[in-house]
Amino acid sequence: MSDDTPITITDDIVREVRALNEWSDADRALLALRVNRAEVERISASYDAQIQRLQEAKQRALAPVVGRIERTKERLEAFVTEHRDEMDGQSITLTHGRVGYRRSAAKVELFKGEEFTLRMLELRKHDGCIAIKKKVDKKAVKDLSGGELAICGVHVLTGEKFFAKLADSPAVVYPDVAAGGKEG
């Protein structure tokens, strides 16, 4: 049985383990994790499918309205461009809003590529035009001596962290049953 194989919930397979007294209980807890993770996946998939269908329905419903908005904006821009000489300045205020032109922010295009531009800026000593992102290399910092760590304001924390990894191919028979006795 693989991790994605549906598991039928019966009285023998529990969804939640309340007390663990033996290794077989711990194994049953791992099975409960598997069952609950499978249920999460099943529920998530169901809701994801519903969300996808709703998104598609929304797009279909919005398409004609968005099309009308785009066509109206294009026609409005064409009209304003054609009648630009009739405006007193950069814009004109009408009953339902304002139309016109505003100066857009300058856009930088690196037409020879970023590497070339960086090289040229460095060669020409335009260091103020180069952004350098600095970041602590935490892996390298771990190798510093204790004194250096303290001076630099660093604590290296070590410890253990619990994990529970489900078997690739779970056995439904618990260890105490398979061994013919109890495991403790």
C-alpha atoms as a PDB file:
ATOM      1  CA  MET A   1       0.000   0.000   0.000  1.00  0.00           C
ATOM      2  CA  SER A   2       1.505   3.358  -0.974  1.00  0.00           C
ATOM      3  CA  ASP A   3       1.025   6.695   0.809  1.00  0.00           C
ATOM      4  CA  ASP A   4      -1.644   7.732  -1.703  1.00  0.00           C
ATOM      5  CA  THR A   5      -3.666   4.514  -1.426  1.00  0.00           C
ATOM      6  CA  PRO A   6      -7.036   5.257   0.169  1.00  0.00           C
ATOM      7  CA  ILE A   7      -7.380   3.726   3.605  1.00  0.00           C
ATOM      8  CA  THR A   8     -10.828   2.618   4.710  1.00  0.00           C
ATOM      9  CA  ILE A   9     -11.512   3.771   8.244  1.00  0.00           C
ATOM     10  CA  THR A  10     -12.801   0.904  10.384  1.00  0.00           C
ATOM     11  CA  ASP A  11     -13.045   0.296  14.117  1.00  0.00           C
ATOM     12  CA  ASP A  12      -9.525  -1.191  13.976  1.00  0.00           C
ATOM     13  CA  ILE A  13      -7.996   1.940  12.437  1.00  0.00           C
ATOM     14  CA  VAL A  14      -8.359   5.038  14.564  1.00  0.00           C
ATOM     15  CA  ARG A  15      -8.259   8.670  13.523  1.00  0.00           C
ATOM     16  CA  GLU A  16      -6.784   9.883  16.787  1.00  0.00           C
ATOM     17  CA  VAL A  17      -4.626   8.179  19.368  1.00  0.00           C
ATOM     18  CA  ARG A  18      -5.101   9.516  22.870  1.00  0.00           C
ATOM     19  CA  ALA A  19      -2.679   7.422  24.912  1.00  0.00           C
ATOM     20  CA  LEU A  20       0.598   5.815  23.947  1.00  0.00           C
ATOM     21  CA  ASN A  21       1.874   3.173  26.366  1.00  0.00           C
ATOM     22  CA  GLU A  22       3.606   0.704  24.052  1.00  0.00           C
ATOM     23  CA  TRP A  23       5.442   0.708  20.741  1.00  0.00           C
ATOM     24  CA  SER A  24       2.358  -0.745  19.089  1.00  0.00           C
ATOM     25  CA  ASP A  25       0.501   2.387  20.265  1.00  0.00           C
ATOM     26  CA  ALA A  26       3.218   4.530  18.689  1.00  0.00           C
ATOM     27  CA  ASP A  27       2.827   2.570  15.454  1.00  0.00           C
ATOM     28  CA  ARG A  28      -0.938   3.039  15.657  1.00  0.00           C
ATOM     29  CA  ALA A  29      -0.259   6.795  16.077  1.00  0.00           C
ATOM     30  CA  LEU A  30       1.786   6.737  12.861  1.00  0.00           C
ATOM     31  CA  LEU A  31      -1.133   5.036  11.154  1.00  0.00           C
ATOM     32  CA  ALA A  32      -3.448   7.728  12.541  1.00  0.00           C
ATOM     33  CA  LEU A  33      -1.104  10.347  11.052  1.00  0.00           C
ATOM     34  CA  ARG A  34      -1.260   8.583   7.684  1.00  0.00           C
ATOM     35  CA  VAL A  35      -5.058   8.331   7.787  1.00  0.00           C
ATOM     36  CA  ASN A  36      -5.489  11.969   8.761  1.00  0.00           C
ATOM     37  CA  ARG A  37      -2.991  13.199   6.171  1.00  0.00           C
ATOM     38  CA  ALA A  38      -4.856  11.220   3.521  1.00  0.00           C
ATOM     39  CA  GLU A  39      -8.104  12.807   4.683  1.00  0.00           C
ATOM     40  CA  VAL A  40      -6.534  16.290   4.510  1.00  0.00           C
ATOM     41  CA  GLU A  41      -5.392  15.553   0.945  1.00  0.00           C
ATOM     42  CA  ARG A  42      -8.840  14.252  -0.036  1.00  0.00           C
ATOM     43  CA  ILE A  43     -10.638  17.274   1.439  1.00  0.00           C
ATOM     44  CA  SER A  44      -8.112  19.709  -0.041  1.00  0.00           C
ATOM     45  CA  ALA A  45      -8.422  18.145  -3.493  1.00  0.00           C
ATOM     46  CA  SER A  46     -12.197  18.378  -3.334  1.00  0.00           C
ATOM     47  CA  TYR A  47     -12.151  22.048  -2.343  1.00  0.00           C
ATOM     48  CA  ASP A  48      -9.376  22.864  -4.832  1.00  0.00           C
ATOM     49  CA  ALA A  49     -11.533  21.394  -7.614  1.00  0.00           C
ATOM     50  CA  GLN A  50     -14.497  23.485  -6.469  1.00  0.00           C
ATOM     51  CA  ILE A  51     -12.322  26.604  -6.333  1.00  0.00           C
ATOM     52  CA  GLN A  52     -11.011  25.885  -9.833  1.00  0.00           C
ATOM     53  CA  ARG A  53     -14.559  25.529 -11.185  1.00  0.00           C
ATOM     54  CA  LEU A  54     -15.582  28.789  -9.467  1.00  0.00           C
ATOM     55  CA  GLN A  55     -12.522  30.604 -10.859  1.00  0.00           C
ATOM     56  CA  GLU A  56     -13.379  29.397 -14.360  1.00  0.00           C
ATOM     57  CA  ALA A  57     -17.028  30.453 -13.953  1.00  0.00           C
ATOM     58  CA  LYS A  58     -15.889  33.843 -12.645  1.00  0.00           C
ATOM     59  CA  GLN A  59     -13.599  34.333 -15.659  1.00  0.00           C
ATOM     60  CA  ARG A  60     -16.423  33.437 -18.039  1.00  0.00           C
ATOM     61  CA  ALA A  61     -18.784  35.878 -16.283  1.00  0.00           C
ATOM     62  CA  LEU A  62     -16.190  38.669 -16.201  1.00  0.00           C
ATOM     63  CA  ALA A  63     -14.920  38.291 -19.771  1.00  0.00           C
ATOM     64  CA  PRO A  64     -17.614  40.368 -21.498  1.00  0.00           C
ATOM     65  CA  VAL A  65     -17.467  43.103 -18.850  1.00  0.00           C
ATOM     66  CA  VAL A  66     -13.659  43.307 -18.938  1.00  0.00           C
ATOM     67  CA  GLY A  67     -13.847  43.406 -22.733  1.00  0.00           C
ATOM     68  CA  ARG A  68     -16.271  46.338 -22.601  1.00  0.00           C
ATOM     69  CA  ILE A  69     -13.973  48.162 -20.155  1.00  0.00           C
ATOM     70  CA  GLU A  70     -10.921  47.670 -22.390  1.00  0.00           C
ATOM     71  CA  ARG A  71     -12.766  48.748 -25.543  1.00  0.00           C
ATOM     72  CA  THR A  72     -14.156  51.829 -23.768  1.00  0.00           C
ATOM     73  CA  LYS A  73     -10.691  52.813 -22.503  1.00  0.00           C
ATOM     74  CA  GLU A  74      -9.214  52.394 -26.001  1.00  0.00           C
ATOM     75  CA  ARG A  75     -11.968  54.525 -27.556  1.00  0.00           C
ATOM     76  CA  LEU A  76     -11.607  57.146 -24.817  1.00  0.00           C
ATOM     77  CA  GLU A  77      -7.840  57.325 -25.292  1.00  0.00           C
ATOM     78  CA  ALA A  78      -8.242  57.638 -29.069  1.00  0.00           C
ATOM     79  CA  PHE A  79     -10.801  60.439 -28.620  1.00  0.00           C
ATOM     80  CA  VAL A  80      -8.655  62.355 -26.113  1.00  0.00           C
ATOM     81  CA  THR A  81      -5.596  61.997 -28.349  1.00  0.00           C
ATOM     82  CA  GLU A  82      -7.554  63.280 -31.323  1.00  0.00           C
ATOM     83  CA  HIS A  83      -8.880  66.269 -29.332  1.00  0.00           C
ATOM     84  CA  ARG A  84      -5.766  66.979 -27.282  1.00  0.00           C
ATOM     85  CA  ASP A  85      -5.411  70.486 -28.686  1.00  0.00           C
ATOM     86  CA  GLU A  86      -8.814  71.377 -27.153  1.00  0.00           C
ATOM     87  CA  MET A  87      -7.555  70.779 -23.594  1.00  0.00           C
ATOM     88  CA  ASP A  88      -6.289  73.722 -21.514  1.00  0.00           C
ATOM     89  CA  GLY A  89      -3.371  71.723 -20.133  1.00  0.00           C
ATOM     90  CA  GLN A  90      -2.508  68.109 -19.565  1.00  0.00           C
ATOM     91  CA  SER A  91      -6.063  67.073 -18.649  1.00  0.00           C
ATOM     92  CA  ILE A  92      -9.721  68.042 -18.699  1.00  0.00           C
ATOM     93  CA  THR A  93     -12.326  67.520 -15.978  1.00  0.00           C
ATOM     94  CA  LEU A  94     -15.713  66.243 -17.092  1.00  0.00           C
ATOM     95  CA  THR A  95     -18.870  65.391 -15.133  1.00  0.00           C
ATOM     96  CA  HIS A  96     -17.917  61.735 -14.548  1.00  0.00           C
ATOM     97  CA  GLY A  97     -14.191  62.110 -14.096  1.00  0.00           C
ATOM     98  CA  ARG A  98     -11.023  63.441 -15.574  1.00  0.00           C
ATOM     99  CA  VAL A  99      -9.008  62.454 -18.651  1.00  0.00           C
ATOM    100  CA  GLY A 100      -5.655  63.557 -19.921  1.00  0.00           C
ATOM    101  CA  TYR A 101      -1.965  62.803 -19.846  1.00  0.00           C
ATOM    102  CA  ARG A 102       0.463  62.679 -16.962  1.00  0.00           C
ATOM    103  CA  ARG A 103       4.179  62.362 -17.128  1.00  0.00           C
ATOM    104  CA  SER A 104       5.137  58.748 -16.472  1.00  0.00           C
ATOM    105  CA  ALA A 105       8.080  57.744 -14.321  1.00  0.00           C
ATOM    106  CA  ALA A 106      11.356  57.275 -16.146  1.00  0.00           C
ATOM    107  CA  LYS A 107      11.897  53.622 -17.025  1.00  0.00           C
ATOM    108  CA  VAL A 108      15.393  52.203 -17.221  1.00  0.00           C
ATOM    109  CA  GLU A 109      16.078  49.664 -19.950  1.00  0.00           C
ATOM    110  CA  LEU A 110      19.339  47.726 -19.913  1.00  0.00           C
ATOM    111  CA  PHE A 111      19.496  47.226 -23.682  1.00  0.00           C
ATOM    112  CA  LYS A 112      22.910  45.487 -23.581  1.00  0.00           C
ATOM    113  CA  GLY A 113      22.016  43.305 -20.594  1.00  0.00           C
ATOM    114  CA  GLU A 114      22.569  43.644 -16.863  1.00  0.00           C
ATOM    115  CA  GLU A 115      26.029  42.018 -16.803  1.00  0.00           C
ATOM    116  CA  PHE A 116      27.387  44.436 -19.410  1.00  0.00           C
ATOM    117  CA  THR A 117      25.882  47.441 -17.657  1.00  0.00           C
ATOM    118  CA  LEU A 118      27.266  46.341 -14.264  1.00  0.00           C
ATOM    119  CA  ARG A 119      30.748  45.890 -15.754  1.00  0.00           C
ATOM    120  CA  MET A 120      30.656  49.321 -17.381  1.00  0.00           C
ATOM    121  CA  LEU A 121      29.359  51.023 -14.222  1.00  0.00           C
ATOM    122  CA  GLU A 122      32.188  49.404 -12.208  1.00  0.00           C
ATOM    123  CA  LEU A 123      34.848  50.358 -14.771  1.00  0.00           C
ATOM    124  CA  ARG A 124      33.598  53.936 -14.903  1.00  0.00           C
ATOM    125  CA  LYS A 125      33.506  54.144 -11.063  1.00  0.00           C
ATOM    126  CA  HIS A 126      29.727  54.684 -10.789  1.00  0.00           C
ATOM    127  CA  ASP A 127      29.563  52.649  -7.574  1.00  0.00           C
ATOM    128  CA  GLY A 128      26.518  54.596  -6.387  1.00  0.00           C
ATOM    129  CA  CYS A 129      24.558  53.079  -9.288  1.00  0.00           C
ATOM    130  CA  ILE A 130      25.209  49.514  -8.140  1.00  0.00           C
ATOM    131  CA  ALA A 131      23.052  47.945  -5.438  1.00  0.00           C
ATOM    132  CA  ILE A 132      24.815  45.361  -3.312  1.00  0.00           C
ATOM    133  CA  LYS A 133      22.711  43.112  -1.114  1.00  0.00           C
ATOM    134  CA  LYS A 134      24.554  41.919   1.980  1.00  0.00           C
ATOM    135  CA  LYS A 135      23.374  38.956   3.993  1.00  0.00           C
ATOM    136  CA  VAL A 136      24.819  36.911   6.845  1.00  0.00           C
ATOM    137  CA  ASP A 137      25.990  33.486   5.699  1.00  0.00           C
ATOM    138  CA  LYS A 138      24.596  31.483   8.625  1.00  0.00           C
ATOM    139  CA  LYS A 139      26.323  28.290   7.529  1.00  0.00           C
ATOM    140  CA  ALA A 140      29.749  29.986   7.563  1.00  0.00           C
ATOM    141  CA  VAL A 141      29.037  31.803  10.845  1.00  0.00           C
ATOM    142  CA  LYS A 142      28.605  28.437  12.605  1.00  0.00           C
ATOM    143  CA  ASP A 143      32.340  27.792  12.053  1.00  0.00           C
ATOM    144  CA  LEU A 144      33.483  30.900  13.977  1.00  0.00           C
ATOM    145  CA  SER A 145      35.060  30.451  17.394  1.00  0.00           C
ATOM    146  CA  GLY A 146      32.985  31.072  20.518  1.00  0.00           C
ATOM    147  CA  GLY A 147      34.715  34.402  21.167  1.00  0.00           C
ATOM    148  CA  GLU A 148      34.139  35.608  17.616  1.00  0.00           C
ATOM    149  CA  LEU A 149      30.496  34.536  17.793  1.00  0.00           C
ATOM    150  CA  ALA A 150      29.953  36.573  20.965  1.00  0.00           C
ATOM    151  CA  ILE A 151      31.714  39.650  19.561  1.00  0.00           C
ATOM    152  CA  CYS A 152      29.561  39.452  16.424  1.00  0.00           C
ATOM    153  CA  GLY A 153      26.354  39.044  18.434  1.00  0.00           C
ATOM    154  CA  VAL A 154      25.666  35.476  17.363  1.00  0.00           C
ATOM    155  CA  HIS A 155      24.392  32.472  19.305  1.00  0.00           C
ATOM    156  CA  VAL A 156      24.582  29.050  17.680  1.00  0.00           C
ATOM    157  CA  LEU A 157      21.673  27.012  18.978  1.00  0.00           C
ATOM    158  CA  THR A 158      21.788  23.238  18.873  1.00  0.00           C
ATOM    159  CA  GLY A 159      19.285  20.677  19.981  1.00  0.00           C
ATOM    160  CA  GLU A 160      17.130  17.828  18.914  1.00  0.00           C
ATOM    161  CA  LYS A 161      13.885  18.074  17.039  1.00  0.00           C
ATOM    162  CA  PHE A 162      11.283  15.334  17.052  1.00  0.00           C
ATOM    163  CA  PHE A 163      10.255  13.804  13.735  1.00  0.00           C
ATOM    164  CA  ALA A 164       7.757  11.230  12.581  1.00  0.00           C
ATOM    165  CA  LYS A 165       8.347   9.787   9.099  1.00  0.00           C
ATOM    166  CA  LEU A 166       5.723   7.491   7.706  1.00  0.00           C
ATOM    167  CA  ALA A 167       6.907   4.243   6.152  1.00  0.00           C
ATOM    168  CA  ASP A 168       6.754   4.074   2.358  1.00  0.00           C
ATOM    169  CA  SER A 169       4.846   0.831   2.527  1.00  0.00           C
ATOM    170  CA  PRO A 170       3.009   0.620   5.841  1.00  0.00           C
ATOM    171  CA  ALA A 171       2.222  -2.706   7.468  1.00  0.00           C
ATOM    172  CA  VAL A 172      -1.214  -2.918   8.961  1.00  0.00           C
ATOM    173  CA  VAL A 173      -0.099  -5.633  11.423  1.00  0.00           C
ATOM    174  CA  TYR A 174       1.329  -4.076  14.583  1.00  0.00           C
ATOM    175  CA  PRO A 175       4.689  -5.237  16.007  1.00  0.00           C
ATOM    176  CA  ASP A 176       3.208  -6.993  19.078  1.00  0.00           C
ATOM    177  CA  VAL A 177       0.859  -9.004  16.886  1.00  0.00           C
ATOM    178  CA  ALA A 178       3.544  -9.879  14.332  1.00  0.00           C
ATOM    179  CA  ALA A 179       6.006 -10.981  17.057  1.00  0.00           C
ATOM    180  CA  GLY A 180       3.388 -13.045  18.783  1.00  0.00           C
ATOM    181  CA  GLY A 181       3.705 -11.050  21.962  1.00  0.00           C
ATOM    182  CA  LYS A 182       3.873  -7.540  23.332  1.00  0.00           C
ATOM    183  CA  GLU A 183       6.622  -5.098  22.559  1.00  0.00           C
ATOM    184  CA  GLY A 184       7.533  -2.671  25.268  1.00  0.00           C
END
